[in-house]
């Protein structure tokens, strides 16, 4: 079924993040392996499950819907869900190991006006790289803000980096 993968991925994300609530603390790598074995839609190769960290395991899956959030990242994520004053730049993105890959750009949005294109890779926001932010979700949070807020993003396109305002 077409919708089965996103629903199972959503269940997996929920399972991973629920265990990360501030009261629960972080999960162990073995707990993450068990959650993946139970809820992941496809069979996971043993060599992926044998990787030493949760981030390495979820990155090796190559699934943008399966990732690990720390308790603080989950708390920030929950805050952003209920904040109606927060807006973005007008793009849909996919998390990759190197940044946020632009999958669509809304017409007449700040992103389209700045020249952002499908396939661009957002690698920094206001000079903060993915590595410095700690995750692509944290980087995405830096791009969101109240309407009218300015942000400078660094985009990688065709091997070259450009700053867009």
N, C-alpha and C. Protein backbone atom coordinates (compact mmCIF):
# COMPACT_ATOMS: atom_id res chain seq x y z
N UNK A 1 0.82 -1.19 0.00
CA UNK A 1 0.00 0.00 0.00
C UNK A 1 0.86 1.24 0.00
N UNK A 2 0.40 2.24 -0.68
CA UNK A 2 1.12 3.49 -0.79
C UNK A 2 1.32 4.18 0.55
N UNK A 3 0.31 4.16 1.41
CA UNK A 3 0.35 4.92 2.64
C UNK A 3 0.94 4.15 3.81
N UNK A 4 1.22 2.88 3.62
CA UNK A 4 1.69 2.05 4.71
C UNK A 4 3.06 2.51 5.22
N UNK A 5 3.99 2.83 4.34
CA UNK A 5 5.33 3.24 4.75
C UNK A 5 5.29 4.50 5.60
N UNK A 6 4.64 5.59 5.16
CA UNK A 6 4.60 6.78 6.02
C UNK A 6 3.91 6.53 7.36
N UNK A 7 2.85 5.70 7.37
CA UNK A 7 2.16 5.43 8.63
C UNK A 7 3.06 4.64 9.56
N UNK A 8 3.76 3.65 9.04
CA UNK A 8 4.67 2.86 9.88
C UNK A 8 5.84 3.73 10.32
N UNK A 9 6.33 4.58 9.40
CA UNK A 9 7.43 5.49 9.77
C UNK A 9 6.97 6.45 10.85
N UNK A 10 5.75 6.94 10.74
CA UNK A 10 5.21 7.84 11.77
C UNK A 10 5.11 7.11 13.10
N UNK A 11 4.69 5.87 13.07
CA UNK A 11 4.61 5.08 14.31
C UNK A 11 6.00 4.89 14.90
N UNK A 12 6.98 4.65 14.05
CA UNK A 12 8.35 4.48 14.52
C UNK A 12 8.87 5.77 15.12
N UNK A 13 8.65 6.89 14.43
CA UNK A 13 9.09 8.17 14.94
C UNK A 13 8.44 8.43 16.28
N UNK A 14 7.15 8.17 16.38
CA UNK A 14 6.43 8.36 17.63
C UNK A 14 7.03 7.48 18.72
N UNK A 15 7.29 6.23 18.40
CA UNK A 15 7.85 5.32 19.40
C UNK A 15 9.22 5.80 19.86
N UNK A 16 10.05 6.23 18.91
CA UNK A 16 11.38 6.70 19.28
C UNK A 16 11.30 7.98 20.11
N UNK A 17 10.41 8.90 19.74
CA UNK A 17 10.35 10.17 20.43
C UNK A 17 9.62 10.06 21.76
N UNK A 18 8.62 9.20 21.87
CA UNK A 18 7.93 9.04 23.14
C UNK A 18 8.88 8.56 24.22
N UNK A 19 9.81 7.74 23.85
CA UNK A 19 10.76 7.25 24.83
C UNK A 19 11.76 8.33 25.21
N UNK A 20 11.74 9.43 24.50
CA UNK A 20 12.68 10.50 24.77
C UNK A 20 12.08 11.67 25.54
N UNK A 21 10.87 11.53 26.02
CA UNK A 21 10.28 12.63 26.77
C UNK A 21 11.19 12.95 27.94
N UNK A 22 11.22 14.21 28.39
CA UNK A 22 12.15 14.59 29.45
C UNK A 22 12.06 13.68 30.67
N UNK A 23 10.87 13.17 30.98
CA UNK A 23 10.73 12.30 32.15
C UNK A 23 11.38 10.94 31.91
N UNK A 24 11.37 10.49 30.67
CA UNK A 24 11.86 9.15 30.38
C UNK A 24 13.36 9.11 30.17
N UNK A 25 13.97 10.18 29.70
CA UNK A 25 15.39 10.17 29.41
C UNK A 25 15.66 9.52 28.06
N UNK A 26 16.92 9.36 27.74
CA UNK A 26 17.31 8.80 26.45
C UNK A 26 17.18 7.29 26.46
N UNK A 27 17.01 6.74 25.28
CA UNK A 27 16.95 5.28 25.16
C UNK A 27 18.33 4.75 24.81
N UNK A 28 18.52 3.49 25.06
CA UNK A 28 19.79 2.85 24.72
C UNK A 28 19.76 2.44 23.25
N UNK A 29 20.93 2.12 22.73
CA UNK A 29 21.02 1.64 21.35
C UNK A 29 20.23 0.34 21.20
N UNK A 30 20.32 -0.51 22.20
CA UNK A 30 19.59 -1.79 22.12
C UNK A 30 18.08 -1.55 22.13
N UNK A 31 17.59 -0.60 22.92
CA UNK A 31 16.16 -0.27 22.92
C UNK A 31 15.74 0.25 21.54
N UNK A 32 16.57 1.07 20.93
CA UNK A 32 16.27 1.58 19.59
C UNK A 32 16.23 0.44 18.58
N UNK A 33 17.15 -0.50 18.70
CA UNK A 33 17.15 -1.66 17.80
C UNK A 33 15.84 -2.44 17.93
N UNK A 34 15.38 -2.63 19.16
CA UNK A 34 14.14 -3.36 19.39
C UNK A 34 12.94 -2.62 18.79
N UNK A 35 12.90 -1.31 18.95
CA UNK A 35 11.82 -0.52 18.37
C UNK A 35 11.84 -0.64 16.85
N UNK A 36 13.03 -0.56 16.26
CA UNK A 36 13.15 -0.70 14.80
C UNK A 36 12.72 -2.09 14.34
N UNK A 37 13.14 -3.11 15.05
CA UNK A 37 12.74 -4.48 14.67
C UNK A 37 11.21 -4.62 14.71
N UNK A 38 10.60 -4.01 15.71
CA UNK A 38 9.15 -4.14 15.92
C UNK A 38 8.33 -3.32 14.93
N UNK A 39 8.73 -2.08 14.67
CA UNK A 39 7.87 -1.16 13.94
C UNK A 39 8.31 -0.80 12.53
N UNK A 40 9.57 -1.01 12.19
CA UNK A 40 10.02 -0.60 10.86
C UNK A 40 9.38 -1.48 9.81
N UNK A 41 8.92 -0.87 8.73
CA UNK A 41 8.11 -1.58 7.73
C UNK A 41 8.91 -2.66 6.98
N UNK A 42 10.17 -2.40 6.69
CA UNK A 42 11.00 -3.35 5.96
C UNK A 42 11.91 -4.10 6.93
N UNK A 43 12.38 -5.24 6.47
CA UNK A 43 13.37 -5.95 7.26
C UNK A 43 14.68 -5.17 7.20
N UNK A 44 15.33 -5.03 8.33
CA UNK A 44 16.57 -4.25 8.40
C UNK A 44 17.74 -5.23 8.36
N UNK A 45 18.68 -5.00 7.46
CA UNK A 45 19.86 -5.89 7.40
C UNK A 45 20.61 -5.90 8.74
N UNK A 46 21.13 -7.06 9.09
CA UNK A 46 21.83 -7.23 10.35
C UNK A 46 23.01 -6.29 10.49
N UNK A 47 23.69 -6.01 9.37
CA UNK A 47 24.87 -5.13 9.44
C UNK A 47 24.48 -3.69 9.81
N UNK A 48 23.27 -3.29 9.45
CA UNK A 48 22.80 -1.95 9.85
C UNK A 48 22.46 -1.95 11.34
N UNK A 49 21.74 -2.97 11.79
CA UNK A 49 21.40 -3.05 13.22
C UNK A 49 22.63 -3.22 14.11
N UNK A 50 23.74 -3.68 13.54
CA UNK A 50 24.96 -3.87 14.31
C UNK A 50 25.76 -2.59 14.48
N UNK A 51 25.37 -1.52 13.79
CA UNK A 51 26.11 -0.26 13.91
C UNK A 51 26.06 0.22 15.36
N UNK A 52 27.10 0.94 15.81
CA UNK A 52 27.24 1.24 17.24
C UNK A 52 26.35 2.35 17.83
N UNK A 53 25.80 3.24 16.99
CA UNK A 53 24.99 4.33 17.56
C UNK A 53 23.62 4.39 16.87
N UNK A 54 22.68 5.01 17.56
CA UNK A 54 21.33 5.16 17.00
C UNK A 54 21.38 6.02 15.74
N UNK A 55 22.14 7.11 15.78
CA UNK A 55 22.23 7.98 14.60
C UNK A 55 22.80 7.23 13.39
N UNK A 56 23.82 6.41 13.62
CA UNK A 56 24.40 5.64 12.52
C UNK A 56 23.38 4.66 11.94
N UNK A 57 22.63 4.04 12.82
CA UNK A 57 21.62 3.06 12.37
C UNK A 57 20.55 3.77 11.54
N UNK A 58 19.98 4.85 12.08
CA UNK A 58 18.90 5.53 11.35
C UNK A 58 19.41 6.18 10.07
N UNK A 59 20.63 6.70 10.06
CA UNK A 59 21.19 7.27 8.82
C UNK A 59 21.40 6.19 7.77
N UNK A 60 21.86 5.01 8.21
CA UNK A 60 22.11 3.91 7.26
C UNK A 60 20.82 3.41 6.62
N UNK A 61 19.69 3.59 7.30
CA UNK A 61 18.41 3.17 6.71
C UNK A 61 18.07 4.00 5.48
N UNK A 62 18.55 5.24 5.43
CA UNK A 62 18.27 6.10 4.29
C UNK A 62 16.81 6.52 4.20
N UNK A 63 16.11 6.49 5.32
CA UNK A 63 14.69 6.81 5.37
C UNK A 63 14.51 8.17 6.04
N UNK A 64 14.04 9.20 5.31
CA UNK A 64 13.93 10.53 5.92
C UNK A 64 12.92 10.62 7.05
N UNK A 65 12.06 9.61 7.19
CA UNK A 65 11.05 9.63 8.25
C UNK A 65 11.50 8.92 9.52
N UNK A 66 12.66 8.32 9.49
CA UNK A 66 13.15 7.59 10.65
C UNK A 66 14.42 8.28 11.15
N UNK A 67 14.30 8.90 12.31
CA UNK A 67 15.46 9.55 12.90
C UNK A 67 15.29 9.62 14.41
N UNK A 68 16.34 9.95 15.08
CA UNK A 68 16.39 9.98 16.54
C UNK A 68 16.38 11.42 17.01
N UNK A 69 15.55 11.71 18.00
CA UNK A 69 15.53 13.03 18.62
C UNK A 69 15.95 12.90 20.08
N UNK A 70 16.80 13.81 20.50
CA UNK A 70 17.11 13.87 21.93
C UNK A 70 15.88 14.42 22.64
N UNK A 71 15.87 14.34 23.96
CA UNK A 71 14.74 14.87 24.72
C UNK A 71 14.54 16.35 24.43
N UNK A 72 15.63 17.12 24.32
CA UNK A 72 15.51 18.56 24.05
C UNK A 72 14.98 18.81 22.64
N UNK A 73 15.45 18.05 21.66
CA UNK A 73 14.95 18.20 20.29
C UNK A 73 13.47 17.88 20.22
N UNK A 74 13.04 16.85 20.94
CA UNK A 74 11.63 16.48 20.95
C UNK A 74 10.79 17.57 21.60
N UNK A 75 11.29 18.13 22.69
CA UNK A 75 10.58 19.22 23.36
C UNK A 75 10.45 20.43 22.43
N UNK A 76 11.53 20.78 21.73
CA UNK A 76 11.49 21.89 20.77
C UNK A 76 10.51 21.59 19.63
N UNK A 77 10.52 20.35 19.16
CA UNK A 77 9.61 19.92 18.10
C UNK A 77 8.16 20.10 18.54
N UNK A 78 7.85 19.67 19.76
CA UNK A 78 6.49 19.80 20.27
C UNK A 78 6.08 21.26 20.40
N UNK A 79 7.00 22.10 20.85
CA UNK A 79 6.71 23.53 20.98
C UNK A 79 6.38 24.13 19.62
N UNK A 80 7.13 23.73 18.60
CA UNK A 80 6.90 24.27 17.25
C UNK A 80 5.57 23.84 16.67
N UNK A 81 5.07 22.67 17.07
CA UNK A 81 3.79 22.19 16.55
C UNK A 81 2.64 23.10 16.97
N UNK A 82 2.71 23.63 18.18
CA UNK A 82 1.61 24.43 18.69
C UNK A 82 1.80 25.92 18.52
N UNK A 83 2.89 26.34 17.92
CA UNK A 83 3.19 27.76 17.79
C UNK A 83 2.67 28.28 16.46
N UNK A 84 1.52 28.94 16.50
CA UNK A 84 0.91 29.40 15.25
C UNK A 84 1.57 30.65 14.70
N UNK A 85 2.44 31.30 15.47
CA UNK A 85 3.09 32.51 14.99
C UNK A 85 4.37 32.21 14.23
N UNK A 86 4.80 30.95 14.22
CA UNK A 86 6.04 30.57 13.56
C UNK A 86 5.76 30.23 12.10
N UNK A 87 6.58 30.78 11.22
CA UNK A 87 6.43 30.52 9.79
C UNK A 87 7.77 30.09 9.22
N UNK A 88 7.73 29.59 8.01
CA UNK A 88 8.96 29.19 7.34
C UNK A 88 9.23 30.09 6.14
N UNK A 89 10.13 29.64 5.31
CA UNK A 89 10.52 30.44 4.14
C UNK A 89 9.78 30.02 2.87
N UNK A 90 8.94 28.97 2.98
CA UNK A 90 8.16 28.55 1.82
C UNK A 90 8.75 27.39 1.06
N UNK A 91 9.34 26.45 1.77
CA UNK A 91 9.91 25.27 1.13
C UNK A 91 9.49 24.01 1.87
N UNK A 92 9.50 22.91 1.14
CA UNK A 92 9.40 21.58 1.73
C UNK A 92 10.81 21.01 1.59
N UNK A 93 11.28 20.34 2.64
CA UNK A 93 12.63 19.80 2.62
C UNK A 93 12.64 18.35 3.07
N UNK A 94 13.70 17.69 2.72
CA UNK A 94 13.96 16.31 3.12
C UNK A 94 15.29 16.31 3.85
N UNK A 95 15.34 15.72 5.02
CA UNK A 95 16.59 15.65 5.77
C UNK A 95 17.55 14.68 5.11
N UNK A 96 18.79 15.12 4.97
CA UNK A 96 19.86 14.24 4.49
C UNK A 96 21.01 14.36 5.49
N UNK A 97 22.02 13.55 5.33
CA UNK A 97 23.17 13.61 6.22
C UNK A 97 23.90 14.94 6.11
N UNK A 98 23.80 15.59 4.94
CA UNK A 98 24.56 16.81 4.70
C UNK A 98 23.77 18.10 4.90
N UNK A 99 22.44 18.00 5.02
CA UNK A 99 21.64 19.21 5.18
C UNK A 99 20.19 18.95 4.82
N UNK A 100 19.50 20.03 4.47
CA UNK A 100 18.08 19.95 4.11
C UNK A 100 17.94 20.09 2.60
N UNK A 101 17.53 19.02 1.93
CA UNK A 101 17.37 19.03 0.49
C UNK A 101 15.99 19.60 0.15
N UNK A 102 15.96 20.64 -0.66
CA UNK A 102 14.71 21.30 -1.05
C UNK A 102 13.97 20.41 -2.04
N UNK A 103 12.72 20.04 -1.68
CA UNK A 103 11.92 19.18 -2.56
C UNK A 103 10.80 19.97 -3.25
N UNK A 104 10.45 21.13 -2.71
CA UNK A 104 9.50 22.02 -3.40
C UNK A 104 9.65 23.43 -2.85
N UNK A 105 9.32 24.39 -3.71
CA UNK A 105 9.40 25.81 -3.36
C UNK A 105 8.04 26.42 -3.68
N UNK A 106 7.43 27.05 -2.68
CA UNK A 106 6.12 27.66 -2.88
C UNK A 106 6.26 28.91 -3.75
N UNK A 107 5.34 29.08 -4.70
CA UNK A 107 5.38 30.28 -5.54
C UNK A 107 5.19 31.54 -4.68
N UNK A 108 5.84 32.60 -5.05
CA UNK A 108 5.73 33.90 -4.37
C UNK A 108 6.10 33.83 -2.89
N UNK A 109 6.91 32.87 -2.51
CA UNK A 109 7.36 32.74 -1.12
C UNK A 109 8.70 33.46 -0.97
N UNK A 110 9.12 33.72 0.26
CA UNK A 110 10.46 34.29 0.45
C UNK A 110 11.55 33.42 -0.19
N UNK A 111 11.37 32.11 -0.15
CA UNK A 111 12.36 31.21 -0.75
C UNK A 111 12.46 31.40 -2.26
N UNK A 112 11.30 31.47 -2.93
CA UNK A 112 11.34 31.65 -4.39
C UNK A 112 11.88 33.03 -4.75
N UNK A 113 11.54 34.04 -3.97
CA UNK A 113 12.04 35.39 -4.22
C UNK A 113 13.56 35.48 -4.03
N UNK A 114 14.09 34.66 -3.12
CA UNK A 114 15.53 34.65 -2.88
C UNK A 114 16.28 33.80 -3.91
N UNK A 115 15.55 33.01 -4.71
CA UNK A 115 16.19 32.20 -5.74
C UNK A 115 16.43 30.75 -5.37
N UNK A 116 15.83 30.27 -4.30
CA UNK A 116 15.98 28.87 -3.91
C UNK A 116 15.30 27.98 -4.94
N UNK A 117 15.93 26.84 -5.25
CA UNK A 117 15.41 25.93 -6.27
C UNK A 117 15.31 24.52 -5.74
N UNK A 118 14.43 23.73 -6.35
CA UNK A 118 14.32 22.31 -6.01
C UNK A 118 15.68 21.66 -6.26
N UNK A 119 16.11 20.84 -5.32
CA UNK A 119 17.40 20.18 -5.41
C UNK A 119 18.51 20.89 -4.65
N UNK A 120 18.29 22.16 -4.29
CA UNK A 120 19.28 22.87 -3.48
C UNK A 120 19.42 22.18 -2.14
N UNK A 121 20.60 22.28 -1.56
CA UNK A 121 20.86 21.70 -0.25
C UNK A 121 21.16 22.83 0.72
N UNK A 122 20.28 23.01 1.70
CA UNK A 122 20.49 24.04 2.72
C UNK A 122 21.47 23.45 3.74
N UNK A 123 22.65 24.09 3.86
CA UNK A 123 23.70 23.55 4.73
C UNK A 123 23.95 24.42 5.96
N UNK A 124 23.37 25.64 6.00
CA UNK A 124 23.55 26.51 7.16
C UNK A 124 22.44 27.55 7.20
N UNK A 125 22.17 28.05 8.41
CA UNK A 125 21.22 29.15 8.61
C UNK A 125 21.88 30.16 9.53
N UNK A 126 21.96 31.41 9.05
CA UNK A 126 22.64 32.47 9.80
C UNK A 126 24.03 32.04 10.25
N UNK A 127 24.74 31.31 9.37
CA UNK A 127 26.10 30.89 9.64
C UNK A 127 26.24 29.64 10.48
N UNK A 128 25.14 29.08 10.97
CA UNK A 128 25.19 27.87 11.79
C UNK A 128 25.01 26.66 10.88
N UNK A 129 26.03 25.81 10.83
CA UNK A 129 25.98 24.63 9.97
C UNK A 129 25.19 23.51 10.62
N UNK A 130 24.90 22.46 9.83
CA UNK A 130 24.21 21.28 10.35
C UNK A 130 25.00 20.69 11.52
N UNK A 131 26.32 20.60 11.37
CA UNK A 131 27.16 20.03 12.41
C UNK A 131 27.06 20.86 13.69
N UNK A 132 27.10 22.18 13.56
CA UNK A 132 27.01 23.05 14.73
C UNK A 132 25.62 23.01 15.36
N UNK A 133 24.59 22.90 14.52
CA UNK A 133 23.21 22.84 15.03
C UNK A 133 22.95 21.52 15.73
N UNK A 134 23.63 20.46 15.31
CA UNK A 134 23.46 19.15 15.93
C UNK A 134 22.59 18.20 15.14
N UNK A 135 21.71 18.73 14.29
CA UNK A 135 20.85 17.88 13.47
C UNK A 135 20.18 18.73 12.40
N UNK A 136 19.60 18.06 11.41
CA UNK A 136 18.89 18.81 10.38
C UNK A 136 17.61 19.41 10.94
N UNK A 137 16.99 18.75 11.93
CA UNK A 137 15.78 19.32 12.56
C UNK A 137 16.13 20.61 13.29
N UNK A 138 17.26 20.62 13.98
CA UNK A 138 17.69 21.83 14.67
C UNK A 138 18.00 22.94 13.66
N UNK A 139 18.58 22.56 12.52
CA UNK A 139 18.84 23.54 11.46
C UNK A 139 17.53 24.10 10.93
N UNK A 140 16.55 23.24 10.71
CA UNK A 140 15.24 23.69 10.23
C UNK A 140 14.60 24.66 11.21
N UNK A 141 14.79 24.42 12.50
CA UNK A 141 14.26 25.30 13.53
C UNK A 141 14.86 26.70 13.41
N UNK A 142 16.13 26.78 13.02
CA UNK A 142 16.79 28.08 12.86
C UNK A 142 16.21 28.87 11.69
N UNK A 143 15.60 28.18 10.74
CA UNK A 143 15.04 28.84 9.56
C UNK A 143 13.65 29.38 9.85
N UNK A 144 12.94 28.75 10.79
CA UNK A 144 11.60 29.20 11.15
C UNK A 144 11.68 30.41 12.06
N UNK A 145 10.64 31.22 12.04
CA UNK A 145 10.58 32.36 12.94
C UNK A 145 9.27 33.09 12.76
N UNK A 146 9.12 34.19 13.46
CA UNK A 146 7.92 34.99 13.31
C UNK A 146 7.90 35.60 11.92
N UNK A 147 6.70 35.88 11.42
CA UNK A 147 6.56 36.51 10.10
C UNK A 147 7.39 37.79 10.07
N UNK A 148 8.14 37.97 8.99
CA UNK A 148 8.96 39.16 8.83
C UNK A 148 10.39 39.00 9.32
N UNK A 149 10.69 37.90 10.01
CA UNK A 149 12.05 37.64 10.48
C UNK A 149 12.94 37.35 9.28
N UNK A 150 14.16 37.87 9.31
CA UNK A 150 15.11 37.61 8.22
C UNK A 150 16.07 36.51 8.63
N UNK A 151 16.41 35.68 7.67
CA UNK A 151 17.39 34.62 7.90
C UNK A 151 18.24 34.50 6.64
N UNK A 152 19.53 34.31 6.84
CA UNK A 152 20.44 34.07 5.72
C UNK A 152 20.76 32.59 5.70
N UNK A 153 20.47 31.94 4.58
CA UNK A 153 20.76 30.51 4.47
C UNK A 153 21.91 30.29 3.50
N UNK A 154 22.69 29.29 3.78
CA UNK A 154 23.77 28.90 2.88
C UNK A 154 23.29 27.67 2.13
N UNK A 155 23.35 27.78 0.80
CA UNK A 155 22.83 26.74 -0.08
C UNK A 155 23.97 26.17 -0.91
N UNK A 156 23.96 24.85 -1.04
CA UNK A 156 24.91 24.19 -1.93
C UNK A 156 24.16 23.80 -3.19
N UNK A 157 24.69 24.27 -4.33
CA UNK A 157 24.08 23.98 -5.64
C UNK A 157 25.19 23.73 -6.64
N UNK A 158 25.16 22.59 -7.28
CA UNK A 158 26.17 22.23 -8.28
C UNK A 158 27.59 22.35 -7.73
N UNK A 159 27.78 21.95 -6.47
CA UNK A 159 29.11 21.96 -5.86
C UNK A 159 29.55 23.29 -5.32
N UNK A 160 28.80 24.34 -5.54
CA UNK A 160 29.18 25.68 -5.05
C UNK A 160 28.23 26.10 -3.94
N UNK A 161 28.76 26.86 -3.00
CA UNK A 161 27.94 27.37 -1.90
C UNK A 161 27.62 28.84 -2.11
N UNK A 162 26.37 29.19 -1.83
CA UNK A 162 25.88 30.55 -2.00
C UNK A 162 25.05 30.93 -0.78
N UNK A 163 25.15 32.18 -0.37
CA UNK A 163 24.29 32.67 0.70
C UNK A 163 23.11 33.39 0.10
N UNK A 164 21.91 33.05 0.59
CA UNK A 164 20.67 33.68 0.13
C UNK A 164 20.02 34.35 1.32
N UNK A 165 19.49 35.53 1.09
CA UNK A 165 18.85 36.31 2.15
C UNK A 165 17.36 36.33 1.98
